[in-house]
Amino acid sequence: MMRSRREFTPLEIKISNGAGKRFLRKSRKGRLAAESLGLMGFTLIELLVVIAIIALLMAILMPALARVKEQAQSVSCQARLRQWSLMFKFYTDDYDGYFNEGWGDNETTLWPNALRPYYKDNWNMLLCPTATRVMESSADWGTFKAAQRNVATPGGGSYLYTFSYSINSWTNYMHGDRGSRLEEWFWKNTQNNTTVVPGTRTPAGRPVSTNKIPVFGDATWHDAWPRDTDQPASHMDAFGIGDRGTSGEMNHFCIDRHNGVANMFFMDWSARNVGLKELWTLKWHRAYVTTGPWTKAGGARPEDWPIWLRRYKDY
């Protein structure tokens, strides 16, 4: 007895679309027939509208995402500086309150060497998160780049350090004058927080709040000696790196990495952001005039500042 061939019945799949009576029928050849669905593809105009909406959303969101990234990097930088403040505190505790000698001895006691047992070759600690790309030459430098220098090491030889932070070199434990930088102007010790008569070696004896004495922060070089008469750079990145003489070195710190502020920590071991114009009001050395010509108290007007700094808060 022959078995009758089973007839193939097309598969019906009901699809609800709000109307409730339409369905999609699959044929024997596997083709889809949208018999009563009335399905249509995108027209060119509709596609262009969708693309335009996506582009508009991207234009709105990208600056916001960039700002979030910048804020995250600034917060990370402050966190890194808080770690540095602890390391400097440990160092000064270990050396009876004294900072590293720096140029008071020779470059073997510069901070990258002196603090190395504390940061334990964690090289990221030497870098602001916004300035990690290494400059390719002495001419290829900038606010958002890391500088390099071969520094003689205590055990002999040298090491090529990469950095985008600097110490306030007026904190160094100096044993004599360094050119026009008088020994009496250096802080040397965390307990030595009294003033000197500006332009002299004469002690004035007035105590200074340690939260006004900068120790370490965002910079384009590893050391700097700011003065109250330092003139701000004519435009961002105009000052340069390395040894720039004995004046203008405030510009190693006056850099716009964090939207009008620089991150620093102070001799009370607190870390915070500092307005770029506020830098001129801090007590960088014992004879520093905090009401100098680039402060509001010293008569500075908003229009006196270079254009790139005018939009930021005056101090």
Protein backbone atom coordinates (compact mmCIF):
# COMPACT_ATOMS: atom_id res chain seq x y z
CA MET A 1 0.00 0.00 0.00
CA MET A 2 1.50 3.27 -1.08
CA ARG A 3 1.59 6.10 1.34
CA SER A 4 0.07 9.27 0.02
CA ARG A 5 2.42 12.19 -0.20
CA ARG A 6 1.79 14.68 2.49
CA GLU A 7 0.79 18.02 1.15
CA PHE A 8 2.89 20.99 2.26
CA THR A 9 0.92 23.61 4.05
CA PRO A 10 2.44 27.12 4.15
CA LEU A 11 3.34 28.27 7.64
CA GLU A 12 1.28 31.15 8.90
CA ILE A 13 2.76 33.46 11.53
CA LYS A 14 0.42 35.98 12.97
CA ILE A 15 1.98 39.34 13.73
CA SER A 16 0.20 41.83 15.88
CA ASN A 17 0.58 45.38 14.69
CA GLY A 18 -2.31 47.07 16.41
CA ALA A 19 -4.81 46.28 13.70
CA GLY A 20 -5.06 42.69 14.87
CA LYS A 21 -5.91 40.98 11.50
CA ARG A 22 -2.71 41.05 9.49
CA PHE A 23 -0.23 38.26 9.11
CA LEU A 24 2.95 37.29 7.37
CA ARG A 25 2.88 34.25 5.05
CA LYS A 26 6.00 32.19 4.36
CA SER A 27 5.94 30.57 0.92
CA ARG A 28 7.43 27.23 -0.14
CA LYS A 29 10.44 29.00 -1.60
CA GLY A 30 11.08 30.75 1.73
CA ARG A 31 10.21 34.20 0.50
CA LEU A 32 8.44 36.64 2.75
CA ALA A 33 5.29 38.14 1.46
CA ALA A 34 4.03 41.15 3.29
CA GLU A 35 0.60 40.77 1.75
CA SER A 36 -1.45 42.90 4.05
CA LEU A 37 1.21 44.53 6.23
CA GLY A 38 1.89 47.40 3.92
CA LEU A 39 5.62 47.35 4.86
CA MET A 40 7.85 49.92 3.14
CA GLY A 41 11.60 50.72 3.34
CA PHE A 42 13.12 54.03 4.36
CA THR A 43 13.05 56.75 1.80
CA LEU A 44 16.25 58.69 1.17
CA ILE A 45 14.81 61.75 2.92
CA GLU A 46 13.92 59.72 6.02
CA LEU A 47 17.42 58.24 6.11
CA LEU A 48 18.99 61.67 5.86
CA VAL A 49 16.77 62.94 8.67
CA VAL A 50 17.91 60.08 10.92
CA ILE A 51 21.56 60.77 10.10
CA ALA A 52 21.07 64.47 10.82
CA ILE A 53 19.48 63.70 14.20
CA ILE A 54 22.37 61.39 15.13
CA ALA A 55 24.90 64.03 14.08
CA LEU A 56 23.07 66.65 16.15
CA LEU A 57 23.07 64.40 19.21
CA MET A 58 26.78 63.72 18.77
CA ALA A 59 27.49 67.45 18.49
CA ILE A 60 25.61 68.01 21.75
CA LEU A 61 27.10 65.08 23.64
CA MET A 62 30.76 65.22 22.56
CA PRO A 63 31.64 68.52 24.31
CA ALA A 64 29.86 67.29 27.43
CA LEU A 65 31.84 64.04 27.32
CA ALA A 66 35.07 66.00 26.79
CA ARG A 67 34.29 68.14 29.84
CA VAL A 68 33.60 65.04 31.91
CA LYS A 69 36.96 63.60 30.81
CA GLU A 70 38.77 66.84 31.72
CA GLN A 71 37.10 66.92 35.13
CA ALA A 72 38.03 63.30 35.75
CA GLN A 73 41.66 64.02 34.86
CA SER A 74 41.72 67.05 37.14
CA VAL A 75 40.32 65.00 40.03
CA SER A 76 42.88 62.28 39.32
CA CYS A 77 45.64 64.91 39.32
CA GLN A 78 44.54 66.23 42.71
CA ALA A 79 44.43 62.70 44.09
CA ARG A 80 47.96 62.12 42.82
CA LEU A 81 49.15 65.34 44.47
CA ARG A 82 47.60 64.27 47.77
CA GLN A 83 49.78 61.17 47.54
CA TRP A 84 52.77 63.39 46.85
CA SER A 85 51.94 65.51 49.90
CA LEU A 86 52.08 62.38 52.05
CA MET A 87 55.42 61.37 50.53
CA PHE A 88 56.91 64.81 51.15
CA LYS A 89 55.58 64.70 54.71
CA PHE A 90 57.19 61.30 55.26
CA TYR A 91 60.45 62.65 53.82
CA THR A 92 60.49 65.75 56.04
CA ASP A 93 59.54 63.64 59.06
CA ASP A 94 62.50 61.38 58.30
CA TYR A 95 64.87 64.38 57.97
CA ASP A 96 63.88 66.45 61.04
CA GLY A 97 61.52 68.67 59.08
CA TYR A 98 63.97 69.56 56.30
CA PHE A 99 63.15 69.41 52.59
CA ASN A 100 65.54 67.89 50.08
CA GLU A 101 68.65 69.96 49.43
CA GLY A 102 68.08 70.23 45.71
CA TRP A 103 70.55 72.73 44.31
CA GLY A 104 71.77 73.30 47.88
CA ASP A 105 74.05 70.36 47.17
CA ASN A 106 73.97 69.13 43.57
CA GLU A 107 71.45 67.53 41.27
CA THR A 108 71.75 64.16 42.96
CA THR A 109 69.46 65.58 45.68
CA LEU A 110 66.80 66.97 43.31
CA TRP A 111 63.32 65.75 44.20
CA PRO A 112 63.04 62.95 41.58
CA ASN A 113 66.08 61.35 43.24
CA ALA A 114 65.41 62.35 46.85
CA LEU A 115 61.79 61.13 46.86
CA ARG A 116 62.45 58.00 44.82
CA PRO A 117 62.45 55.67 47.87
CA TYR A 118 58.94 56.94 48.61
CA TYR A 119 57.31 56.71 45.17
CA LYS A 120 59.26 53.49 44.53
CA ASP A 121 59.75 53.92 40.77
CA ASN A 122 56.04 54.33 40.10
CA TRP A 123 56.76 56.58 37.13
CA ASN A 124 53.13 57.57 36.59
CA MET A 125 53.35 59.49 39.85
CA LEU A 126 55.62 62.01 38.14
CA LEU A 127 52.95 62.85 35.56
CA CYS A 128 49.79 64.92 35.60
CA PRO A 129 47.13 62.77 33.86
CA THR A 130 46.59 65.57 31.31
CA ALA A 131 50.30 65.77 30.42
CA THR A 132 51.66 62.30 29.75
CA ARG A 133 52.80 62.58 26.13
CA VAL A 134 56.56 63.04 26.11
CA MET A 135 58.03 65.98 24.22
CA GLU A 136 60.13 64.89 21.25
CA SER A 137 62.73 67.65 21.61
CA SER A 138 63.44 70.82 23.57
CA ALA A 139 61.41 72.70 20.95
CA ASP A 140 58.49 70.27 21.12
CA TRP A 141 57.02 71.10 24.48
CA GLY A 142 53.78 72.46 25.85
CA THR A 143 51.23 72.65 28.63
CA PHE A 144 49.92 69.16 27.88
CA LYS A 145 53.26 67.43 27.38
CA ALA A 146 55.75 65.83 29.76
CA ALA A 147 59.33 67.08 29.85
CA GLN A 148 62.45 64.97 30.24
CA ARG A 149 65.87 65.46 31.79
CA ASN A 150 68.88 63.29 32.54
CA VAL A 151 69.64 63.73 36.23
CA ALA A 152 72.76 62.46 37.99
CA THR A 153 71.82 59.82 40.55
CA PRO A 154 73.33 59.35 44.04
CA GLY A 155 74.75 55.93 43.22
CA GLY A 156 76.56 57.17 40.12
CA GLY A 157 75.40 57.43 36.55
CA SER A 158 72.19 59.19 35.62
CA TYR A 159 68.53 58.55 34.94
CA LEU A 160 66.25 60.05 32.29
CA TYR A 161 63.25 61.29 34.27
CA THR A 162 59.93 62.13 32.62
CA PHE A 163 57.76 64.58 34.55
CA SER A 164 54.96 67.15 34.37
CA TYR A 165 55.12 68.30 38.01
CA SER A 166 57.57 70.61 39.76
CA ILE A 167 58.70 71.48 43.24
CA ASN A 168 58.71 75.06 44.48
CA SER A 169 62.49 75.25 44.64
CA TRP A 170 62.30 77.91 47.35
CA THR A 171 61.53 75.02 49.73
CA ASN A 172 64.99 73.47 49.17
CA TYR A 173 67.39 73.10 52.08
CA MET A 174 69.94 75.56 50.71
CA HIS A 175 73.34 76.18 52.31
CA GLY A 176 74.14 79.44 50.55
CA ASP A 177 72.98 81.90 47.90
CA ARG A 178 72.18 80.68 44.40
CA GLY A 179 73.02 83.73 42.36
CA SER A 180 70.49 86.44 43.20
CA ARG A 181 68.40 83.95 45.16
CA LEU A 182 69.43 84.69 48.70
CA GLU A 183 69.80 81.84 51.16
CA GLU A 184 67.60 83.62 53.71
CA TRP A 185 64.66 83.55 51.29
CA PHE A 186 64.48 79.73 51.24
CA TRP A 187 62.06 77.95 53.57
CA LYS A 188 64.38 74.93 54.06
CA ASN A 189 62.29 73.44 56.89
CA THR A 190 58.60 72.90 57.58
CA GLN A 191 58.96 74.81 60.87
CA ASN A 192 60.72 77.79 59.28
CA ASN A 193 57.56 79.70 58.36
CA THR A 194 58.49 83.30 59.18
CA THR A 195 59.06 86.17 56.75
CA VAL A 196 62.11 88.13 55.61
CA VAL A 197 62.01 91.84 54.71
CA PRO A 198 61.55 91.93 50.90
CA GLY A 199 64.77 92.47 48.98
CA THR A 200 66.97 91.94 52.05
CA ARG A 201 68.37 89.25 54.29
CA THR A 202 66.75 90.79 57.37
CA PRO A 203 64.27 88.57 59.24
CA ALA A 204 60.87 90.17 59.70
CA GLY A 205 59.67 87.39 61.96
CA ARG A 206 56.01 87.46 60.91
CA PRO A 207 54.53 83.95 60.77
CA VAL A 208 53.04 82.70 57.52
CA SER A 209 50.15 80.28 57.34
CA THR A 210 51.55 77.08 55.87
CA ASN A 211 48.46 76.69 53.68
CA LYS A 212 49.76 79.68 51.69
CA ILE A 213 53.22 78.19 51.00
CA PRO A 214 53.23 76.11 47.78
CA VAL A 215 55.39 73.00 47.73
CA PHE A 216 54.64 71.03 44.55
CA GLY A 217 52.23 71.05 41.62
CA ASP A 218 51.40 71.22 37.92
CA ALA A 219 54.33 72.59 35.92
CA THR A 220 56.29 72.39 32.68
CA TRP A 221 59.71 71.82 34.32
CA HIS A 222 60.96 70.00 37.43
CA ASP A 223 62.12 73.08 39.34
CA ALA A 224 61.24 76.78 39.48
CA TRP A 225 61.82 79.88 41.66
CA PRO A 226 58.79 82.18 41.21
CA ARG A 227 59.09 85.89 42.10
CA ASP A 228 56.37 88.47 42.74
CA THR A 229 57.64 90.57 39.82
CA ASP A 230 57.43 87.73 37.27
CA GLN A 231 55.43 88.85 34.26
CA PRO A 232 52.86 86.40 32.83
CA ALA A 233 53.68 84.90 29.44
CA SER A 234 52.23 86.74 26.45
CA HIS A 235 50.44 83.60 25.33
CA MET A 236 50.08 80.06 26.58
CA ASP A 237 53.28 78.03 26.12
CA ALA A 238 55.32 81.15 25.31
CA PHE A 239 57.73 80.79 28.24
CA GLY A 240 59.44 77.50 27.42
CA ILE A 241 61.08 74.85 29.55
CA GLY A 242 64.40 74.31 31.26
CA ASP A 243 66.58 76.95 32.86
CA ARG A 244 65.04 80.28 31.86
CA GLY A 245 67.25 82.49 34.01
CA THR A 246 66.25 84.04 37.32
CA SER A 247 62.98 85.71 36.32
CA GLY A 248 59.66 84.73 34.81
CA GLU A 249 59.66 81.29 36.39
CA MET A 250 56.12 81.69 37.69
CA ASN A 251 55.23 80.71 34.13
CA HIS A 252 56.42 77.15 34.75
CA PHE A 253 53.38 76.90 37.06
CA CYS A 254 51.00 79.30 35.27
CA ILE A 255 49.71 76.79 32.72
CA ASP A 256 46.13 76.14 31.69
CA ARG A 257 45.78 72.37 32.07
CA HIS A 258 42.63 72.45 34.18
CA ASN A 259 40.44 75.26 32.80
CA GLY A 260 41.85 78.24 34.66
CA VAL A 261 43.38 76.49 37.67
CA ALA A 262 46.56 74.64 38.59
CA ASN A 263 46.65 71.77 41.08
CA MET A 264 49.11 72.08 43.96
CA PHE A 265 49.78 71.05 47.52
CA PHE A 266 51.02 73.25 50.32
CA MET A 267 53.25 73.12 53.37
CA ASP A 268 50.30 72.11 55.57
CA TRP A 269 50.09 69.06 53.22
CA SER A 270 46.68 70.10 51.82
CA ALA A 271 46.06 69.82 48.08
CA ARG A 272 43.70 72.02 46.09
CA ASN A 273 43.30 73.84 42.80
CA VAL A 274 44.68 77.37 42.54
CA GLY A 275 43.42 80.04 40.17
CA LEU A 276 46.08 80.93 37.61
CA LYS A 277 46.09 84.58 38.69
CA GLU A 278 45.97 83.48 42.32
CA LEU A 279 49.48 82.07 41.89
CA TRP A 280 50.88 85.59 42.29
CA THR A 281 49.25 85.94 45.73
CA LEU A 282 50.87 82.86 47.31
CA LYS A 283 53.92 83.03 49.59
CA TRP A 284 56.51 81.35 47.36
CA HIS A 285 59.53 82.38 49.44
CA ARG A 286 60.16 84.12 52.75
CA ALA A 287 60.67 87.58 51.18
CA TYR A 288 57.96 87.21 48.53
CA VAL A 289 55.50 90.14 48.27
CA THR A 290 51.96 88.72 48.10
CA THR A 291 50.57 92.13 47.07
CA GLY A 292 52.89 92.52 44.10
CA PRO A 293 52.22 94.21 40.76
CA TRP A 294 50.21 91.27 39.38
CA THR A 295 47.63 91.20 42.18
CA LYS A 296 44.46 93.25 42.71
CA ALA A 297 45.99 94.66 45.89
CA GLY A 298 49.03 95.71 43.88
CA GLY A 299 46.92 97.55 41.31
CA ALA A 300 46.64 94.94 38.54
CA ARG A 301 43.59 95.45 36.31
CA PRO A 302 41.87 92.77 34.21
CA GLU A 303 43.05 94.44 31.00
CA ASP A 304 46.67 94.27 32.17
CA TRP A 305 46.72 90.51 31.80
CA PRO A 306 47.53 88.75 28.50
CA ILE A 307 44.43 87.89 26.49
CA TRP A 308 44.62 84.16 27.25
CA LEU A 309 44.32 84.89 31.00
CA ARG A 310 41.79 87.74 31.02
CA ARG A 311 38.71 85.54 31.25
CA TYR A 312 39.85 84.02 34.53
CA LYS A 313 39.15 85.28 38.03
CA ASP A 314 41.28 88.12 39.42
CA TYR A 315 42.93 87.91 42.86
